[in-house]
Each structure stands twice: as C-alpha cells, then as structure tokens.
Amino acid sequence: MTMAMAASRMRTETLSDPRRRGPRWALLAGVVVLGLAGCGRDPTGGGAALEPRVYTDFTDDTELFVEFAPLIAGEKSTFAAHFTALDEYQAVTEGTVDIVLSGGGAPTERFRVAAPRAPGIFAPTAAPRATGERNLTMTLEAPGLSVSHDLGPVTIHSSREAAIEAGPAESAGAEGEIGFLKEQQWQTAFDIEAVQPRPLRESVSAPATIRASADGEFVVTAASDGRVVAAEDFPTLGDTVARGEVLAMLAPRLGGGTDAASLQSELVAARNAGELARTEAARMQRLFDVEAVSQRRLQEAKAALEVAQSQLSAAEQRVSRLGGTGGAGVPLRAPMSGTLAQVHVANGASVEAGDPLFHIVNRDELWIEVHVAEADAARLQQPTGAAFELPGLDRPIGIQVGENGRLVGVGNVIDPDSRSVPVIFALDDPDPRIALNQAVQARVFTGQRREALSVPVGAVIDDGGQRVVYVMRGGESFSRVPVRLGARDGDRVEVLEGLQAGDRVVSEGAMQIRLAAATPEAMGHGHAH
C-alpha cells in the first residue's frame, strides 16, 4: 500500500459494541440471514453473529463509507456503499459501482451495480469464489467522476464457521463517539476538511479605535452669538448632506434693541436717499455747465451724494451680517459632503460664538488606529493589513493593503502613557455598521508568514466556555476534541493543541454534531436503504 493510500484510509472498524448497533446493523444482519437462507443453510448458525466490516476512504474527489458482512466463498454479501462528492459534500445520485477482488493468486473477480438504491447509496452484491486474502477495491464511474477506492486486504473465508472462528476485525470504535448518519449529513449544510499545515500571516493583537480620516470630518460652529433657525427642514442625525448645502440659518444677536426688520428698513431708506442724492448732483452739474448755478451749489450737491453713498454702504454691511436673505440670518453651509454624525442644536436654539452646531463625517474612508504595545512594536516590519472584530458580526472585518485599504502610517514614538505605538490603516467603503469612535480589538499583520495547523473559524464551537471541534473518526462517527487556539487570520484560526495533521474536522455543520451528541436518540434514527 502506498503512503498516499495509507493516509487516505481513515479506519477499518467493526461494530462489536452492541450499544453502537443501529438501523444499519439491522440491515446488514438481514443481508447475512437472507444470504445464508438462500444457500439452504441454517441462518442462525447456532453460534455467534457475524460482525460487519466498516471502511471509510477518501480520494481527492469522493468519500466512500461502506459496510458489508464478512465475505464467504460461494455466498452473497450485499455492500451498503455511501458515496459523497467532496466538492459540495453531497450524495452521488447516479453512476456505476464495481467491487473488485484481486491478488492472492486467483483470477480477478468483479461485481457491479448500475445505479444507486437511493441517492448516495449503492448496494452491489459480491459472491466471491476464491478463498484467502485478496485486495478489495471499489470503483465509481459517474458523470464528472472516475474514482477508485483501494480498501486494502480482505479475507475471503471458506465457510461461515471459518468466519466465526476468525472473529471480528479489531474494533477501532471508541467510547463517546457521536453518530451522525450520511443521510443527515447530505440533508444539511455540512462539510469536512483535512487538517494540514497552511501559511498563516504573523500578527500582533492590540486595541484599536475607529475614527474619521484626517480630512473626513468637520464641525460647523456658530460665527457669532445668535439664534439657529431652519432654512427649510431642520437637519437630523444621519442625514446625508452635500457640500455647499444650507443646513440652517444663524440670526445674529444685535445690540441696542435693533432687530432685523429695522435694519432692512434703514437699508431701503439709504438706497432711496442715495438715489435722490445722485439725481440732485447730476442736475447741479448740468446747471453749472450752463452757468446757471454757482460752483458752491455744485460742491454741496456732490458732498450730499458722498454722504448718502456712505450711509448706504454702512446699511448694506449691517444687513450683510444677516446673510442678505431677507433678514433670516447668516446661512450655515456644509463645507463637505457626508453624513450628519451629530446635531448639537435644535431649531430656534440660542447659541454663542464658537458653539458646535453640526458634525459632518465623510464615510467613504474610515481610519483604524491600532495601539500596538511597546513589546510588539519591533515585529512591525512592513504591515500588510489588519483585521478587527465587530460585535454582532460572525467574522472579522479585514483590511488588505492595496485591495480595500491602505497603510496610512506607523508611529515611531512610544506614547509615554499607554506605552504603545500607533499604526493607522484606511478602510475603503466601510460597512455601515461600523460606528465612529468605536473601540475594537484588532490584529495587525506584520508582513511575515509561517506554517501552522489551522481550521476554519466555523469549525470551532464554544461548548460551555471550552473551545472544541468535531473530528470524523468514521463516515458516520465523530469525536468531540477540545483545542487550544492561536492567532486568527481572516476566516481561519491557528490550532496549537488538540489536533494533528491528517485529522478530518467538521468545517461546516459542527453545531449539528453537537446537537446529535446532546440528543443521540433523535439524531440516530431514520436510516433506511
């Protein structure tokens, strides 16, 4: 047997523990009885029952889980062969299956079934002629699949008595294994993965804060004492605003009892006076040109025009402080496009100069400022990204430099209070559920990689405060394995203890296995072929 074959075979087992005999054992026992009865022999045999043989084997494309009674020359043994296509972990629904017995100095024997008895379940029947040790292979030919499962040596007994005398194969079963049938696996979201060393990005863990970019926020403040009034609809939290949009009006507070209406009246009077002064000055100029009036009268008219113009300019300046909008006030415009993160005032509120009114944030890009501890600062050679966990989300949010973000900068001065170094990343098009000023736990990827065992995050279950995974021991049996975890890299997490290379963990559907362990009676019924 090649090393690849040895690695692919998970186990060969017998169901020697009566507590593990379920509906499938009843099926196989019936097969044995029918086979013996068909040969005219006593189905009870007057002795011990024959235990079925159970194999689980993998190729790159398929998983085979098969059970069959011990093989006896001249007698029929029906195989319950479960074929799973590994690309989506679904039952193989069509195809041809062959049982091939070879070697042992005898001619090759082949037994075929042309279709499954039920989706995923093929039931070929073998009636071997030669006795002794032979090699057992099962092949599958189906659309898009052509695979061969080499199950290794198997003994063909000369009689039932010889099979009973040989005894059961060594049991690989273990106490506490959890049963979960193939039919149940195929009917739910389920998958398994062989644990192997994989490249993981080195990272350091540190607290972080989500904030706006350097030019991504602005606070509109009151330019003078006054009252804030709506221009149309008063802005509310979360509104989207455009650059230059009028948010509200600021009516300045005027001294001396003067109000906006009085200033508008004064402006109208000044304009009228100015117009009269220009008309009079022009008339005096025409009369002076024909020597109808003295030069003194012309100079007096021009002086009156200058006074009127000065008064008009002063009136216009006073009104301009109200924004020139009919006395409503100074328009408060959005200096940038974005979202209103805070609205500090209500419609009609009195404010003083410098009071914050509206906080605008542009969320096209957010900054994540990670505070890396002094002890880890030396590991930051060229950070390639970061990831942080957000409460309420199943998976962390990742930032990959050059893909969905960029490295803004790495500090080189230790903060004397926190004893940390700031590392800032920019995140493009952030998830709307990310809140500004939110405190999160982040990982900064240092730019280095290493080989380590890892599993998908979804394979790990929090079982009463203990992190566990479920390892497949056979096609329908699983073990609960506590693990100690290390660094997380995206949707994978390092396993420091509990697993070894080659273990096959439940990568999807682990919660179903946990439920099966909690309610074995409910989860173990319903198997039929």
Protein backbone atom coordinates (compact mmCIF):
# COMPACT_ATOMS: atom_id res chain seq x y z
CA MET A 1 0.00 0.00 0.00
CA THR A 2 1.39 3.42 -0.90
CA MET A 3 1.78 6.17 1.68
CA ALA A 4 -0.98 8.12 -0.12
CA MET A 5 -3.33 5.18 0.27
CA ALA A 6 -2.47 4.80 3.93
CA ALA A 7 -3.08 8.49 4.51
CA SER A 8 -6.43 8.42 2.72
CA ARG A 9 -7.84 5.50 4.73
CA MET A 10 -9.33 6.77 7.95
CA ARG A 11 -10.18 3.46 9.58
CA THR A 12 -11.40 -0.09 9.30
CA GLU A 13 -13.79 -0.93 12.11
CA THR A 14 -16.34 -3.47 13.32
CA LEU A 15 -19.48 -2.65 15.23
CA SER A 16 -18.63 -5.08 18.02
CA ASP A 17 -20.15 -2.93 20.77
CA PRO A 18 -23.91 -3.80 20.89
CA ARG A 19 -24.68 -0.26 22.03
CA ARG A 20 -23.49 1.01 18.65
CA ARG A 21 -25.72 -1.27 16.58
CA GLY A 22 -28.33 0.90 14.93
CA PRO A 23 -30.62 0.58 11.92
CA ARG A 24 -27.69 -0.03 9.59
CA TRP A 25 -26.64 -3.07 11.63
CA ALA A 26 -30.18 -4.41 11.34
CA LEU A 27 -29.95 -4.05 7.57
CA LEU A 28 -26.62 -5.87 7.35
CA ALA A 29 -27.75 -8.61 9.70
CA GLY A 30 -30.76 -9.12 7.44
CA VAL A 31 -28.48 -9.37 4.42
CA VAL A 32 -26.45 -12.08 6.12
CA VAL A 33 -29.58 -14.03 7.09
CA LEU A 34 -31.02 -13.84 3.57
CA GLY A 35 -27.72 -14.88 2.05
CA LEU A 36 -27.40 -17.91 4.27
CA ALA A 37 -31.03 -18.90 3.85
CA GLY A 38 -30.61 -18.73 0.08
CA CYS A 39 -27.85 -21.31 0.32
CA GLY A 40 -30.08 -23.68 2.27
CA ARG A 41 -28.17 -23.20 5.48
CA ASP A 42 -29.29 -22.52 9.00
CA PRO A 43 -29.42 -18.69 9.21
CA THR A 44 -28.79 -18.75 12.95
CA GLY A 45 -25.69 -20.87 12.52
CA GLY A 46 -26.06 -21.96 16.11
CA GLY A 47 -23.23 -19.60 17.03
CA ALA A 48 -22.12 -16.01 17.28
CA ALA A 49 -23.39 -13.39 14.85
CA LEU A 50 -21.07 -12.11 12.16
CA GLU A 51 -19.98 -8.55 12.68
CA PRO A 52 -19.98 -6.31 9.59
CA ARG A 53 -16.83 -4.73 8.23
CA VAL A 54 -16.84 -0.91 8.00
CA TYR A 55 -14.47 1.25 5.93
CA THR A 56 -14.12 4.97 5.33
CA ASP A 57 -11.84 6.01 2.49
CA PHE A 58 -11.09 9.24 0.63
CA THR A 59 -9.87 10.26 -2.80
CA ASP A 60 -9.40 13.84 -3.93
CA ASP A 61 -12.97 13.87 -5.27
CA THR A 62 -15.03 11.44 -3.21
CA GLU A 63 -15.56 9.90 0.20
CA LEU A 64 -16.62 6.25 0.49
CA PHE A 65 -18.28 4.92 3.63
CA VAL A 66 -19.11 1.23 3.20
CA GLU A 67 -20.38 -1.60 5.39
CA PHE A 68 -20.67 -5.27 4.47
CA ALA A 69 -20.84 -8.68 6.11
CA PRO A 70 -17.68 -10.84 6.20
CA LEU A 71 -17.02 -12.32 2.78
CA ILE A 72 -17.56 -16.10 2.48
CA ALA A 73 -16.78 -18.08 -0.67
CA GLY A 74 -19.91 -19.02 -2.57
CA GLU A 75 -22.20 -16.78 -0.52
CA LYS A 76 -23.66 -13.38 -1.31
CA SER A 77 -22.74 -10.29 0.68
CA THR A 78 -24.50 -7.01 -0.07
CA PHE A 79 -22.45 -3.83 0.41
CA ALA A 80 -24.01 -0.62 1.74
CA ALA A 81 -21.72 1.84 -0.07
CA HIS A 82 -22.22 5.56 0.57
CA PHE A 83 -20.52 7.82 -1.97
CA THR A 84 -20.14 11.55 -1.26
CA ALA A 85 -18.89 14.10 -3.81
CA LEU A 86 -16.47 16.27 -1.83
CA ASP A 87 -16.73 19.45 -3.92
CA GLU A 88 -20.06 20.32 -2.27
CA TYR A 89 -20.28 17.37 0.13
CA GLN A 90 -23.40 15.96 -1.49
CA ALA A 91 -24.62 12.43 -2.26
CA VAL A 92 -23.63 10.93 -5.62
CA THR A 93 -27.00 10.40 -7.30
CA GLU A 94 -26.04 8.34 -10.35
CA GLY A 95 -23.30 6.11 -11.63
CA THR A 96 -21.92 2.58 -11.74
CA VAL A 97 -20.10 0.94 -8.81
CA ASP A 98 -17.82 -2.10 -9.08
CA ILE A 99 -16.46 -4.34 -6.32
CA VAL A 100 -13.08 -5.68 -7.45
CA LEU A 101 -11.33 -8.57 -5.66
CA SER A 102 -7.79 -9.14 -6.92
CA GLY A 103 -4.49 -10.76 -5.98
CA GLY A 104 -3.98 -13.79 -3.78
CA GLY A 105 -3.01 -15.93 -6.76
CA ALA A 106 -6.60 -16.10 -8.03
CA PRO A 107 -8.36 -14.50 -11.00
CA THR A 108 -9.77 -11.01 -10.52
CA GLU A 109 -13.45 -11.01 -9.63
CA ARG A 110 -15.72 -8.05 -10.35
CA PHE A 111 -19.27 -7.38 -9.15
CA ARG A 112 -21.25 -4.42 -10.46
CA VAL A 113 -24.34 -2.39 -9.70
CA ALA A 114 -25.51 0.07 -12.37
CA ALA A 115 -27.44 2.57 -10.25
CA PRO A 116 -27.84 3.68 -6.63
CA ARG A 117 -30.59 2.19 -4.48
CA ALA A 118 -31.16 5.67 -3.00
CA PRO A 119 -29.30 8.98 -3.54
CA GLY A 120 -25.72 8.38 -2.48
CA ILE A 121 -26.26 4.71 -1.51
CA PHE A 122 -25.15 1.90 -3.82
CA ALA A 123 -25.83 -1.76 -2.91
CA PRO A 124 -23.64 -4.05 -5.03
CA THR A 125 -23.63 -7.74 -4.08
CA ALA A 126 -20.45 -9.82 -4.10
CA ALA A 127 -20.36 -13.63 -4.22
CA PRO A 128 -16.63 -14.44 -4.28
CA ARG A 129 -15.38 -17.83 -5.43
CA ALA A 130 -11.74 -17.84 -4.40
CA THR A 131 -10.73 -18.02 -0.73
CA GLY A 132 -7.82 -16.45 1.12
CA GLU A 133 -6.52 -12.92 1.38
CA ARG A 134 -7.43 -10.66 -1.54
CA ASN A 135 -7.25 -6.95 -2.24
CA LEU A 136 -10.58 -5.09 -2.16
CA THR A 137 -11.15 -2.10 -4.43
CA MET A 138 -14.37 -0.21 -5.11
CA THR A 139 -14.65 1.96 -8.22
CA LEU A 140 -17.20 4.61 -9.17
CA GLU A 141 -17.95 5.80 -12.69
CA ALA A 142 -20.36 8.75 -12.72
CA PRO A 143 -20.82 11.98 -14.69
CA GLY A 144 -17.70 14.02 -13.96
CA LEU A 145 -16.26 11.32 -11.66
CA SER A 146 -13.99 8.34 -12.20
CA VAL A 147 -12.50 7.22 -8.90
CA SER A 148 -11.04 4.13 -7.30
CA HIS A 149 -11.03 3.44 -3.56
CA ASP A 150 -8.38 0.88 -2.59
CA LEU A 151 -9.57 -0.60 0.72
CA GLY A 152 -6.60 -2.95 1.13
CA PRO A 153 -6.51 -6.66 2.00
CA VAL A 154 -9.64 -8.56 2.97
CA THR A 155 -10.08 -12.25 3.86
CA ILE A 156 -12.47 -14.48 1.88
CA HIS A 157 -13.49 -17.22 4.31
CA SER A 158 -14.16 -20.79 3.20
CA SER A 159 -17.28 -21.11 5.37
CA ARG A 160 -19.42 -19.34 7.90
CA GLU A 161 -17.78 -21.39 10.63
CA ALA A 162 -14.37 -20.20 9.45
CA ALA A 163 -15.56 -16.58 9.52
CA ILE A 164 -16.88 -17.01 13.07
CA GLU A 165 -13.68 -18.72 14.16
CA ALA A 166 -11.60 -15.88 12.67
CA GLY A 167 -13.52 -13.49 14.89
CA PRO A 168 -14.23 -9.83 14.28
CA ALA A 169 -11.65 -7.45 12.96
CA GLU A 170 -10.03 -5.31 15.61
CA SER A 171 -12.51 -2.61 16.58
CA ALA A 172 -11.43 0.96 16.09
CA GLY A 173 -14.50 2.29 17.84
CA ALA A 174 -14.12 4.42 20.93
CA GLU A 175 -16.34 5.27 23.81
CA GLY A 176 -18.09 8.60 23.47
CA GLU A 177 -18.16 8.74 19.69
CA ILE A 178 -21.13 10.62 18.23
CA GLY A 179 -23.25 9.11 15.48
CA PHE A 180 -24.47 11.28 12.61
CA LEU A 181 -25.77 9.41 9.58
CA LYS A 182 -24.80 10.08 5.98
CA GLU A 183 -28.40 10.84 5.10
CA GLN A 184 -28.40 13.56 7.76
CA GLN A 185 -25.08 14.94 6.55
CA TRP A 186 -26.36 15.20 2.98
CA GLN A 187 -29.56 16.96 4.01
CA THR A 188 -27.92 19.86 5.85
CA ALA A 189 -25.07 22.32 5.26
CA PHE A 190 -22.16 20.04 6.05
CA ASP A 191 -18.50 19.66 5.12
CA ILE A 192 -15.25 18.25 6.41
CA GLU A 193 -11.65 19.34 5.98
CA ALA A 194 -8.35 17.55 6.40
CA VAL A 195 -6.13 19.45 8.82
CA GLN A 196 -2.81 20.33 7.21
CA PRO A 197 -0.10 22.93 7.81
CA ARG A 198 -1.03 26.11 5.97
CA PRO A 199 0.64 29.51 5.61
CA LEU A 200 -0.67 31.90 8.26
CA ARG A 201 0.11 35.59 8.44
CA GLU A 202 2.02 36.64 11.55
CA SER A 203 0.09 39.19 13.54
CA VAL A 204 0.04 41.13 16.78
CA SER A 205 -3.12 41.79 18.75
CA ALA A 206 -3.88 45.26 20.10
CA PRO A 207 -6.78 47.57 20.97
CA ALA A 208 -7.92 49.97 18.26
CA THR A 209 -10.24 52.90 17.67
CA ILE A 210 -12.36 53.62 14.61
CA ARG A 211 -12.28 57.27 13.57
CA ALA A 212 -12.79 59.52 10.59
CA SER A 213 -9.90 60.25 8.25
CA ALA A 214 -7.85 63.42 8.72
CA ASP A 215 -9.94 65.37 6.20
CA GLY A 216 -13.07 63.29 6.60
CA GLU A 217 -14.91 65.26 9.28
CA PHE A 218 -15.85 68.88 10.03
CA VAL A 219 -17.71 70.61 12.84
CA VAL A 220 -19.81 73.63 11.81
CA THR A 221 -19.69 76.23 14.60
CA ALA A 222 -21.54 79.49 15.32
CA ALA A 223 -19.68 82.51 13.93
CA SER A 224 -21.42 84.85 16.39
CA ASP A 225 -23.98 84.93 19.15
CA GLY A 226 -27.47 84.41 17.84
CA ARG A 227 -30.31 82.03 17.20
CA VAL A 228 -30.28 78.97 14.89
CA VAL A 229 -33.41 78.65 12.73
CA ALA A 230 -34.38 76.23 9.98
CA ALA A 231 -33.86 77.26 6.37
CA GLU A 232 -36.37 74.60 5.27
CA ASP A 233 -36.42 71.21 7.07
CA PHE A 234 -34.14 71.26 10.09
CA PRO A 235 -31.32 68.68 9.76
CA THR A 236 -31.49 65.44 11.77
CA LEU A 237 -28.95 62.82 12.82
CA GLY A 238 -27.91 60.55 9.95
CA ASP A 239 -28.96 62.91 7.15
CA THR A 240 -26.79 62.93 4.04
CA VAL A 241 -25.66 66.43 3.05
CA ALA A 242 -23.86 67.85 0.02
CA ARG A 243 -21.06 70.36 0.01
CA GLY A 244 -22.45 73.91 -0.01
CA GLU A 245 -25.90 72.83 1.13
CA VAL A 246 -27.59 75.26 3.57
CA LEU A 247 -28.10 73.40 6.84
CA ALA A 248 -29.80 76.23 8.77
CA MET A 249 -29.66 79.99 9.34
CA LEU A 250 -27.88 81.86 12.12
CA ALA A 251 -29.70 85.08 13.08
CA PRO A 252 -27.06 87.17 14.91
CA ARG A 253 -27.96 88.74 18.21
CA LEU A 254 -27.91 92.60 17.61
CA GLY A 255 -27.20 95.25 20.27
CA GLY A 256 -29.16 98.45 21.11
CA GLY A 257 -32.56 96.89 20.62
CA THR A 258 -32.14 96.82 16.86
CA ASP A 259 -33.78 93.98 15.02
CA ALA A 260 -33.51 92.59 11.52
CA ALA A 261 -36.64 94.40 10.27
CA SER A 262 -35.24 97.79 11.36
CA LEU A 263 -32.01 97.11 9.52
CA GLN A 264 -33.90 96.25 6.35
CA SER A 265 -35.90 99.50 6.68
CA GLU A 266 -32.72 101.51 7.14
CA LEU A 267 -31.24 99.87 4.05
CA VAL A 268 -34.27 100.84 1.94
CA ALA A 269 -34.10 104.44 3.23
CA ALA A 270 -30.38 104.65 2.50
CA ARG A 271 -30.92 103.40 -1.05
CA ASN A 272 -33.66 105.97 -1.65
CA ALA A 273 -31.56 108.78 -0.18
CA GLY A 274 -28.65 107.75 -2.32
CA GLU A 275 -30.75 107.76 -5.46
CA LEU A 276 -32.05 111.28 -4.67
CA ALA A 277 -28.52 112.49 -3.98
CA ARG A 278 -27.27 111.16 -7.36
CA THR A 279 -30.19 112.83 -9.18
CA GLU A 280 -29.56 116.18 -7.44
CA ALA A 281 -25.80 116.04 -8.09
CA ALA A 282 -26.43 115.34 -11.78
CA ARG A 283 -28.90 118.24 -12.03
CA MET A 284 -26.45 120.68 -10.37
CA GLN A 285 -23.76 119.54 -12.78
CA ARG A 286 -25.95 120.35 -15.82
CA LEU A 287 -26.89 123.79 -14.38
CA PHE A 288 -23.28 124.60 -13.56
CA ASP A 289 -22.25 123.71 -17.09
CA VAL A 290 -24.56 126.45 -18.45
CA GLU A 291 -23.51 128.84 -15.66
CA ALA A 292 -27.00 128.75 -14.12
CA VAL A 293 -25.71 127.97 -10.59
CA SER A 294 -22.58 128.71 -8.63
CA GLN A 295 -19.76 126.27 -8.07
CA ARG A 296 -20.61 126.23 -4.34
CA ARG A 297 -24.07 124.73 -5.09
CA LEU A 298 -22.44 122.00 -7.20
CA GLN A 299 -19.95 121.15 -4.45
CA GLU A 300 -22.73 120.95 -1.86
CA ALA A 301 -24.69 118.52 -4.09
CA LYS A 302 -21.60 116.31 -4.57
CA ALA A 303 -20.91 116.31 -0.82
CA ALA A 304 -24.51 115.24 -0.13
CA LEU A 305 -24.07 112.36 -2.63
CA GLU A 306 -20.93 111.15 -0.86
CA VAL A 307 -22.74 111.14 2.50
CA ALA A 308 -25.69 109.21 1.04
CA GLN A 309 -23.34 106.65 -0.53
CA SER A 310 -21.50 106.20 2.79
CA GLN A 311 -24.79 105.69 4.65
CA LEU A 312 -25.95 103.16 2.03
CA SER A 313 -22.66 101.23 2.31
CA ALA A 314 -22.99 101.10 6.10
CA ALA A 315 -26.60 99.88 5.86
CA GLU A 316 -25.61 97.18 3.36
CA GLN A 317 -22.80 95.99 5.63
CA ARG A 318 -25.16 95.73 8.61
CA VAL A 319 -27.68 93.73 6.60
CA SER A 320 -24.95 91.53 5.10
CA ARG A 321 -24.28 90.22 8.58
CA LEU A 322 -27.73 88.66 8.32
CA GLY A 323 -26.75 86.90 5.11
CA GLY A 324 -28.68 89.14 2.78
CA THR A 325 -31.63 86.72 2.90
CA GLY A 326 -34.45 88.99 3.80
CA GLY A 327 -33.46 89.15 7.44
CA ALA A 328 -33.47 85.35 8.10
CA GLY A 329 -29.79 85.29 9.13
CA VAL A 330 -26.39 84.01 8.02
CA PRO A 331 -26.63 80.72 6.05
CA LEU A 332 -24.80 77.82 7.69
CA ARG A 333 -23.44 75.78 4.77
CA ALA A 334 -21.96 72.25 4.74
CA PRO A 335 -18.22 72.59 3.99
CA MET A 336 -18.07 68.97 2.74
CA SER A 337 -20.30 66.14 1.60
CA GLY A 338 -21.05 63.46 4.13
CA THR A 339 -23.37 62.31 6.88
CA LEU A 340 -24.50 64.21 9.95
CA ALA A 341 -22.85 62.32 12.78
CA GLN A 342 -24.05 64.78 15.42
CA VAL A 343 -26.61 67.60 15.59
CA HIS A 344 -25.82 69.70 18.66
CA VAL A 345 -28.71 72.20 18.45
CA ALA A 346 -32.44 72.29 17.95
CA ASN A 347 -34.44 74.60 15.73
CA GLY A 348 -34.72 78.03 17.40
CA ALA A 349 -31.93 77.41 19.92
CA SER A 350 -29.81 80.34 21.12
CA VAL A 351 -26.07 79.85 20.69
CA GLU A 352 -22.87 81.70 21.46
CA ALA A 353 -19.95 82.30 19.15
CA GLY A 354 -17.86 79.11 18.80
CA ASP A 355 -20.59 76.67 19.87
CA PRO A 356 -20.59 73.41 17.82
CA LEU A 357 -23.72 73.09 15.70
CA PHE A 358 -23.33 70.23 13.19
CA HIS A 359 -20.74 67.40 12.97
CA ILE A 360 -20.32 66.13 9.40
CA VAL A 361 -18.43 62.92 8.59
CA ASN A 362 -17.45 61.55 5.19
CA ARG A 363 -17.66 57.73 5.47
CA ASP A 364 -16.12 56.95 2.09
CA GLU A 365 -12.97 56.12 4.07
CA LEU A 366 -12.51 55.41 7.77
CA TRP A 367 -9.30 55.15 9.74
CA ILE A 368 -8.50 52.34 12.19
CA GLU A 369 -5.91 53.47 14.70
CA VAL A 370 -4.31 50.45 16.35
CA HIS A 371 -2.33 50.95 19.57
CA VAL A 372 0.40 48.29 19.36
CA ALA A 373 2.11 47.52 22.65
CA GLU A 374 5.71 48.57 23.08
CA ALA A 375 6.79 44.92 23.38
CA ASP A 376 5.34 44.09 19.92
CA ALA A 377 6.45 47.25 18.12
CA ALA A 378 9.69 45.69 16.85
CA ARG A 379 7.69 43.00 14.98
CA LEU A 380 6.07 45.59 12.72
CA GLN A 381 8.38 45.45 9.72
CA GLN A 382 6.01 46.29 6.87
CA PRO A 383 2.38 45.79 7.93
CA THR A 384 0.29 44.32 5.13
CA GLY A 385 -3.13 44.73 6.67
CA ALA A 386 -5.28 44.41 9.74
CA ALA A 387 -8.48 42.79 10.92
CA PHE A 388 -10.82 43.67 13.73
CA GLU A 389 -13.86 42.04 15.27
CA LEU A 390 -17.13 43.92 15.42
CA PRO A 391 -19.76 42.87 17.96
CA GLY A 392 -22.71 41.32 16.20
CA LEU A 393 -20.77 40.12 13.15
CA ASP A 394 -19.77 36.47 12.68
CA ARG A 395 -16.45 37.18 11.01
CA PRO A 396 -13.84 39.91 11.41
CA ILE A 397 -13.57 42.85 9.06
CA GLY A 398 -10.30 42.74 7.17
CA ILE A 399 -8.16 45.46 5.62
CA GLN A 400 -5.77 44.35 2.91
CA VAL A 401 -3.29 46.98 1.78
CA GLY A 402 -3.70 47.57 -1.95
CA GLU A 403 -7.10 45.90 -2.12
CA ASN A 404 -9.66 47.52 0.18
CA GLY A 405 -7.45 49.92 2.08
CA ARG A 406 -4.04 51.40 2.64
CA LEU A 407 -1.44 51.87 5.34
CA VAL A 408 -1.60 55.50 6.48
CA GLY A 409 1.41 55.34 8.75
CA VAL A 410 3.32 53.63 11.55
CA GLY A 411 4.41 55.69 14.53
CA ASN A 412 7.98 55.57 15.76
CA VAL A 413 7.48 57.27 19.10
CA ILE A 414 6.25 55.37 22.16
CA ASP A 415 3.32 57.07 23.88
CA PRO A 416 4.51 57.71 27.47
CA ASP A 417 1.08 56.99 28.96
CA SER A 418 -0.14 53.92 27.05
CA ARG A 419 3.35 52.61 26.18
CA SER A 420 2.16 51.87 22.68
CA VAL A 421 2.86 52.80 19.05
CA PRO A 422 0.06 53.96 16.73
CA VAL A 423 -0.48 52.12 13.45
CA ILE A 424 -3.16 53.64 11.22
CA PHE A 425 -4.94 51.92 8.34
CA ALA A 426 -7.53 53.41 5.99
CA LEU A 427 -10.55 51.26 5.11
CA ASP A 428 -12.35 51.94 1.82
CA ASP A 429 -16.14 51.75 1.57
CA PRO A 430 -16.60 50.61 5.19
CA ASP A 431 -19.51 48.57 6.49
CA PRO A 432 -22.28 50.98 7.57
CA ARG A 433 -22.49 49.13 10.90
CA ILE A 434 -19.06 50.43 11.90
CA ALA A 435 -19.53 53.32 14.32
CA LEU A 436 -17.14 56.22 14.69
CA ASN A 437 -15.04 56.26 17.86
CA GLN A 438 -15.86 52.59 18.39
CA ALA A 439 -13.30 50.64 20.43
CA VAL A 440 -12.41 47.26 18.91
CA GLN A 441 -9.81 44.53 19.27
CA ALA A 442 -7.63 44.32 16.19
CA ARG A 443 -4.78 42.30 14.71
CA VAL A 444 -2.03 43.89 12.66
CA PHE A 445 -0.43 41.56 10.10
CA THR A 446 3.32 42.10 10.31
CA GLY A 447 4.21 41.02 6.77
CA GLN A 448 5.72 37.68 7.86
CA ARG A 449 4.21 34.22 7.25
CA ARG A 450 4.66 30.84 8.94
CA GLU A 451 3.34 27.29 8.54
CA ALA A 452 0.83 26.18 11.15
CA LEU A 453 -2.15 23.89 11.63
CA SER A 454 -5.40 25.79 11.28
CA VAL A 455 -9.13 25.21 10.88
CA PRO A 456 -12.00 27.35 9.61
CA VAL A 457 -13.42 29.57 12.31
CA GLY A 458 -16.81 27.92 11.79
CA ALA A 459 -15.35 24.56 12.84
CA VAL A 460 -14.83 25.78 16.42
CA ILE A 461 -17.70 25.59 18.90
CA ASP A 462 -17.82 27.29 22.28
CA ASP A 463 -19.05 24.43 24.44
CA GLY A 464 -19.60 25.72 27.96
CA GLY A 465 -16.59 28.02 27.75
CA GLN A 466 -14.35 25.37 26.18
CA ARG A 467 -13.35 25.59 22.53
CA VAL A 468 -13.95 22.27 20.76
CA VAL A 469 -14.01 20.82 17.26
CA TYR A 470 -15.55 17.60 15.97
CA VAL A 471 -13.25 15.11 14.27
CA MET A 472 -14.56 12.44 11.91
CA ARG A 473 -13.47 9.00 13.11
CA GLY A 474 -15.52 7.13 10.53
CA GLY A 475 -18.05 8.06 7.89
CA GLU A 476 -20.83 8.35 10.49
CA SER A 477 -18.93 8.70 13.78
CA PHE A 478 -17.31 11.77 15.30
CA SER A 479 -15.35 12.73 18.40
CA ARG A 480 -15.52 15.92 20.43
CA VAL A 481 -11.96 17.28 20.69
CA PRO A 482 -11.01 20.26 22.92
CA VAL A 483 -8.49 22.56 21.23
CA ARG A 484 -6.23 25.43 22.20
CA LEU A 485 -6.29 28.19 19.63
CA GLY A 486 -3.69 30.68 18.47
CA ALA A 487 -3.73 33.56 16.04
CA ARG A 488 -6.65 34.23 13.74
CA ASP A 489 -6.08 35.00 10.07
CA GLY A 490 -9.28 36.01 8.29
CA ASP A 491 -11.73 33.11 8.42
CA ARG A 492 -9.12 30.66 9.76
CA VAL A 493 -7.71 30.20 13.24
CA GLU A 494 -4.50 28.50 14.35
CA VAL A 495 -4.74 25.31 16.43
CA LEU A 496 -1.92 24.98 18.94
CA GLU A 497 -3.09 21.82 20.71
CA GLY A 498 -5.68 19.09 20.19
CA LEU A 499 -5.29 18.22 16.50
CA GLN A 500 -2.64 16.69 14.29
CA ALA A 501 -2.07 16.75 10.57
CA GLY A 502 -4.47 14.44 8.74
CA ASP A 503 -7.36 14.78 11.19
CA ARG A 504 -10.61 15.49 9.39
CA VAL A 505 -12.65 18.13 11.19
CA VAL A 506 -16.23 19.15 10.59
CA SER A 507 -15.68 22.52 8.91
CA GLU A 508 -19.38 23.21 8.35
CA GLY A 509 -22.23 21.79 10.40
CA ALA A 510 -20.37 21.42 13.71
CA MET A 511 -23.44 22.61 15.59
CA GLN A 512 -25.41 19.71 14.09
CA ILE A 513 -22.90 17.26 15.55
CA ARG A 514 -23.19 18.96 18.92
CA LEU A 515 -26.97 18.56 18.77
CA ALA A 516 -26.54 14.91 17.80
CA ALA A 517 -24.35 14.40 20.86
CA ALA A 518 -26.97 16.05 23.08
CA THR A 519 -29.89 14.07 21.63
CA PRO A 520 -28.46 10.82 20.23
CA GLU A 521 -31.86 9.11 20.14
CA ALA A 522 -33.37 11.82 17.93
CA MET A 523 -30.38 12.20 15.64
CA GLY A 524 -29.64 8.49 15.20
CA HIS A 525 -32.94 7.28 13.78
CA GLY A 526 -34.34 7.26 10.30
CA HIS A 527 -31.58 5.33 8.50
CA ALA A 528 -33.01 3.29 5.67
CA HIS A 529 -31.69 1.79 2.45
